[in-house]
Each structure stands twice: as structure tokens, then as C-alpha cells.
Amino acid sequence: MVAKAQAIGRGRPWKALHENVQYLIQLAHHKPTLFLDKYQRCLKIYRLLSLSMATIHRELQRAGLSTKWVQKMTAERDPMKCTDFV
């Protein structure tokens, strides 16, 4: 029996690099109530990266950010901390 040659790479390469994902997560922590299209626009303007909303959603899920987390973050927002961040 002849063994099949093992594939060099599996799947598609990631378009979102680690630095861009970190930027996206920081943006989500700072502005948790934005919709995915707003995150997409920020990535396009500030990082010159065109990602689909599905990719952005998947990266936020991988980071452990959920709808429940967003609701908790918006309820606990402190205006002074937001001012310090800006």
C-alpha cells in the first residue's frame, strides 16, 4: 500500500495577523457596543486591512468575547476610565 503524501499546509492562511487581532480586541474592550461593520471600518481605516464580518466575529469569539461579556462591560462602564484611556 502506498501512503498519501502529507499536506504541507492545512486550510487557508490567516489574513488577520496577531497584531491586528490584538488591536481588534483592544478596540472591543474600549468600545464594546460597536457593531461588526464598525470594527470592520476601523480595521480598514487604521490598519489597512480588509476583513469580512465573519472573520471579525470569529476572532472575537476566539478571544472569549461574547454578547454576555459586552452587556456586562457596558453596564460597568466608568466615564473616568474612558477619559483616562482617551
N, C-alpha and C. Protein backbone atom coordinates (compact mmCIF):
# COMPACT_ATOMS: atom_id res chain seq x y z
N MET A 1 0.84 -1.17 0.00
CA MET A 1 0.00 0.00 0.00
C MET A 1 0.89 1.25 0.00
N VAL A 2 0.55 2.23 -0.80
CA VAL A 2 1.32 3.46 -0.91
C VAL A 2 0.66 4.54 -0.05
N ALA A 3 1.47 5.20 0.77
CA ALA A 3 0.93 6.25 1.63
C ALA A 3 0.79 7.55 0.85
N LYS A 4 -0.26 8.26 1.14
CA LYS A 4 -0.50 9.54 0.50
C LYS A 4 0.46 10.57 1.09
N ALA A 5 0.98 11.45 0.24
CA ALA A 5 1.91 12.48 0.72
C ALA A 5 1.17 13.43 1.65
N GLN A 6 1.83 13.77 2.77
CA GLN A 6 1.21 14.64 3.76
C GLN A 6 1.18 16.08 3.25
N ALA A 7 0.07 16.74 3.48
CA ALA A 7 -0.09 18.12 3.03
C ALA A 7 0.86 19.03 3.81
N ILE A 8 1.43 20.00 3.12
CA ILE A 8 2.36 20.94 3.76
C ILE A 8 1.60 21.88 4.68
N GLY A 9 0.56 22.48 4.18
CA GLY A 9 -0.23 23.41 5.00
C GLY A 9 -1.69 22.98 4.96
N ARG A 10 -2.37 23.22 6.02
CA ARG A 10 -3.77 22.83 6.06
C ARG A 10 -4.62 24.09 6.11
N GLY A 11 -5.61 24.17 5.27
CA GLY A 11 -6.52 25.30 5.27
C GLY A 11 -5.91 26.54 4.65
N ARG A 12 -6.66 27.60 4.76
CA ARG A 12 -6.19 28.88 4.23
C ARG A 12 -5.32 29.59 5.25
N PRO A 13 -4.39 30.39 4.77
CA PRO A 13 -3.60 31.18 5.72
C PRO A 13 -4.46 32.28 6.34
N TRP A 14 -4.17 32.64 7.57
CA TRP A 14 -4.93 33.67 8.27
C TRP A 14 -4.61 35.03 7.68
N LYS A 15 -5.67 35.80 7.41
CA LYS A 15 -5.47 37.17 6.94
C LYS A 15 -5.21 38.09 8.12
N ALA A 16 -5.79 37.72 9.26
CA ALA A 16 -5.65 38.56 10.45
C ALA A 16 -4.40 38.15 11.21
N LEU A 17 -3.40 39.02 11.20
CA LEU A 17 -2.18 38.75 11.93
C LEU A 17 -2.39 39.01 13.42
N HIS A 18 -1.49 38.52 14.22
CA HIS A 18 -1.60 38.63 15.68
C HIS A 18 -1.74 40.09 16.13
N GLU A 19 -0.97 40.99 15.54
CA GLU A 19 -1.02 42.40 15.93
C GLU A 19 -2.38 43.01 15.61
N ASN A 20 -2.95 42.63 14.48
CA ASN A 20 -4.26 43.15 14.10
C ASN A 20 -5.36 42.60 14.99
N VAL A 21 -5.23 41.34 15.38
CA VAL A 21 -6.21 40.74 16.29
C VAL A 21 -6.12 41.42 17.65
N GLN A 22 -4.92 41.72 18.11
CA GLN A 22 -4.75 42.42 19.39
C GLN A 22 -5.38 43.81 19.32
N TYR A 23 -5.22 44.50 18.20
CA TYR A 23 -5.84 45.81 18.02
C TYR A 23 -7.37 45.67 18.08
N LEU A 24 -7.90 44.66 17.43
CA LEU A 24 -9.33 44.43 17.42
C LEU A 24 -9.85 44.16 18.83
N ILE A 25 -9.13 43.39 19.60
CA ILE A 25 -9.54 43.07 20.98
C ILE A 25 -9.48 44.32 21.85
N GLN A 26 -8.43 45.13 21.69
CA GLN A 26 -8.34 46.37 22.45
C GLN A 26 -9.49 47.31 22.08
N LEU A 27 -9.82 47.36 20.81
CA LEU A 27 -10.93 48.19 20.36
C LEU A 27 -12.24 47.69 20.96
N ALA A 28 -12.41 46.38 21.01
CA ALA A 28 -13.62 45.80 21.59
C ALA A 28 -13.71 46.09 23.09
N HIS A 29 -12.57 46.10 23.78
CA HIS A 29 -12.58 46.43 25.20
C HIS A 29 -12.91 47.91 25.41
N HIS A 30 -12.43 48.76 24.52
CA HIS A 30 -12.66 50.19 24.66
C HIS A 30 -14.08 50.58 24.23
N LYS A 31 -14.56 49.99 23.14
CA LYS A 31 -15.89 50.31 22.63
C LYS A 31 -16.66 49.00 22.41
N PRO A 32 -17.17 48.42 23.48
CA PRO A 32 -17.79 47.09 23.36
C PRO A 32 -19.14 47.08 22.65
N THR A 33 -19.76 48.23 22.45
CA THR A 33 -21.10 48.24 21.86
C THR A 33 -21.10 48.46 20.35
N LEU A 34 -19.94 48.52 19.73
CA LEU A 34 -19.89 48.71 18.27
C LEU A 34 -20.39 47.46 17.56
N PHE A 35 -21.00 47.67 16.40
CA PHE A 35 -21.39 46.56 15.55
C PHE A 35 -20.18 46.10 14.75
N LEU A 36 -20.29 44.90 14.19
CA LEU A 36 -19.17 44.32 13.45
C LEU A 36 -18.75 45.18 12.27
N ASP A 37 -19.70 45.85 11.62
CA ASP A 37 -19.33 46.68 10.47
C ASP A 37 -18.49 47.88 10.90
N LYS A 38 -18.68 48.37 12.11
CA LYS A 38 -17.86 49.47 12.62
C LYS A 38 -16.45 48.99 12.92
N TYR A 39 -16.33 47.78 13.49
CA TYR A 39 -14.99 47.20 13.69
C TYR A 39 -14.31 47.00 12.35
N GLN A 40 -15.07 46.55 11.36
CA GLN A 40 -14.53 46.34 10.02
C GLN A 40 -14.01 47.65 9.44
N ARG A 41 -14.76 48.72 9.63
CA ARG A 41 -14.36 50.03 9.12
C ARG A 41 -13.09 50.53 9.82
N CYS A 42 -13.02 50.34 11.14
CA CYS A 42 -11.83 50.76 11.89
C CYS A 42 -10.59 50.00 11.41
N LEU A 43 -10.73 48.70 11.18
CA LEU A 43 -9.59 47.92 10.69
C LEU A 43 -9.16 48.39 9.30
N LYS A 44 -10.12 48.73 8.49
CA LYS A 44 -9.79 49.18 7.13
C LYS A 44 -9.10 50.54 7.15
N ILE A 45 -9.58 51.46 7.99
CA ILE A 45 -9.03 52.81 8.04
C ILE A 45 -7.67 52.83 8.74
N TYR A 46 -7.60 52.25 9.92
CA TYR A 46 -6.41 52.40 10.76
C TYR A 46 -5.36 51.30 10.56
N ARG A 47 -5.76 50.15 10.05
CA ARG A 47 -4.80 49.05 9.85
C ARG A 47 -4.65 48.67 8.38
N LEU A 48 -5.42 49.31 7.50
CA LEU A 48 -5.40 49.00 6.06
C LEU A 48 -5.61 47.51 5.82
N LEU A 49 -6.57 46.94 6.56
CA LEU A 49 -6.84 45.51 6.50
C LEU A 49 -8.32 45.31 6.20
N SER A 50 -8.60 44.57 5.16
CA SER A 50 -9.97 44.30 4.78
C SER A 50 -10.34 42.89 5.22
N LEU A 51 -11.13 42.81 6.30
CA LEU A 51 -11.58 41.52 6.81
C LEU A 51 -13.10 41.45 6.71
N SER A 52 -13.60 40.25 6.52
CA SER A 52 -15.05 40.08 6.49
C SER A 52 -15.60 40.12 7.91
N MET A 53 -16.89 40.38 8.02
CA MET A 53 -17.51 40.42 9.34
C MET A 53 -17.48 39.06 10.00
N ALA A 54 -17.53 38.00 9.19
CA ALA A 54 -17.45 36.64 9.75
C ALA A 54 -16.09 36.40 10.40
N THR A 55 -15.02 36.88 9.77
CA THR A 55 -13.68 36.73 10.32
C THR A 55 -13.54 37.52 11.62
N ILE A 56 -14.08 38.74 11.63
CA ILE A 56 -14.02 39.58 12.83
C ILE A 56 -14.78 38.90 13.96
N HIS A 57 -15.96 38.38 13.66
CA HIS A 57 -16.76 37.68 14.67
C HIS A 57 -16.02 36.46 15.21
N ARG A 58 -15.40 35.70 14.32
CA ARG A 58 -14.67 34.51 14.74
C ARG A 58 -13.48 34.86 15.63
N GLU A 59 -12.76 35.94 15.30
CA GLU A 59 -11.62 36.35 16.11
C GLU A 59 -12.06 36.84 17.49
N LEU A 60 -13.19 37.54 17.54
CA LEU A 60 -13.71 37.98 18.84
C LEU A 60 -14.15 36.78 19.68
N GLN A 61 -14.74 35.77 19.03
CA GLN A 61 -15.11 34.55 19.75
C GLN A 61 -13.88 33.82 20.27
N ARG A 62 -12.84 33.73 19.44
CA ARG A 62 -11.60 33.07 19.88
C ARG A 62 -10.99 33.77 21.08
N ALA A 63 -11.18 35.10 21.15
CA ALA A 63 -10.65 35.88 22.27
C ALA A 63 -11.53 35.74 23.51
N GLY A 64 -12.67 35.07 23.38
CA GLY A 64 -13.54 34.86 24.52
C GLY A 64 -14.55 35.97 24.75
N LEU A 65 -14.73 36.82 23.75
CA LEU A 65 -15.69 37.92 23.88
C LEU A 65 -17.04 37.45 23.38
N SER A 66 -18.06 37.62 24.21
CA SER A 66 -19.39 37.17 23.84
C SER A 66 -20.40 38.29 24.07
N THR A 67 -21.63 38.04 23.69
CA THR A 67 -22.68 39.03 23.90
C THR A 67 -22.87 39.31 25.38
N LYS A 68 -22.78 38.27 26.19
CA LYS A 68 -22.91 38.42 27.64
C LYS A 68 -21.80 39.33 28.19
N TRP A 69 -20.58 39.14 27.68
CA TRP A 69 -19.45 39.97 28.11
C TRP A 69 -19.68 41.43 27.74
N VAL A 70 -20.19 41.66 26.52
CA VAL A 70 -20.44 43.02 26.05
C VAL A 70 -21.48 43.70 26.94
N GLN A 71 -22.54 42.99 27.27
CA GLN A 71 -23.57 43.56 28.13
C GLN A 71 -23.01 43.90 29.50
N LYS A 72 -22.16 43.04 30.03
CA LYS A 72 -21.56 43.29 31.34
C LYS A 72 -20.64 44.51 31.27
N MET A 73 -19.83 44.60 30.21
CA MET A 73 -18.91 45.72 30.07
C MET A 73 -19.65 47.05 29.96
N THR A 74 -20.73 47.09 29.21
CA THR A 74 -21.46 48.35 29.06
C THR A 74 -22.15 48.74 30.35
N ALA A 75 -22.57 47.78 31.13
CA ALA A 75 -23.21 48.09 32.41
C ALA A 75 -22.21 48.64 33.41
N GLU A 76 -20.94 48.20 33.32
CA GLU A 76 -19.92 48.58 34.29
C GLU A 76 -19.03 49.73 33.82
N ARG A 77 -19.37 50.37 32.73
CA ARG A 77 -18.50 51.42 32.18
C ARG A 77 -18.36 52.58 33.15
N ASP A 78 -17.14 53.01 33.32
CA ASP A 78 -16.83 54.14 34.17
C ASP A 78 -16.37 55.29 33.28
N PRO A 79 -17.08 56.44 33.29
CA PRO A 79 -16.70 57.55 32.40
C PRO A 79 -15.28 58.07 32.67
N MET A 80 -14.82 58.02 33.91
CA MET A 80 -13.48 58.50 34.22
C MET A 80 -12.40 57.61 33.59
N LYS A 81 -12.62 56.31 33.59
CA LYS A 81 -11.66 55.40 32.97
C LYS A 81 -11.63 55.62 31.46
N CYS A 82 -12.79 55.87 30.86
CA CYS A 82 -12.83 56.15 29.43
C CYS A 82 -12.06 57.41 29.10
N THR A 83 -12.19 58.42 29.95
CA THR A 83 -11.46 59.66 29.74
C THR A 83 -9.96 59.44 29.87
N ASP A 84 -9.56 58.64 30.85
CA ASP A 84 -8.13 58.34 31.02
C ASP A 84 -7.58 57.59 29.81
N PHE A 85 -8.39 56.68 29.26
CA PHE A 85 -7.96 55.90 28.11
C PHE A 85 -7.72 56.79 26.90
N VAL A 86 -8.65 57.71 26.69
CA VAL A 86 -8.55 58.61 25.53
C VAL A 86 -7.40 59.55 25.75
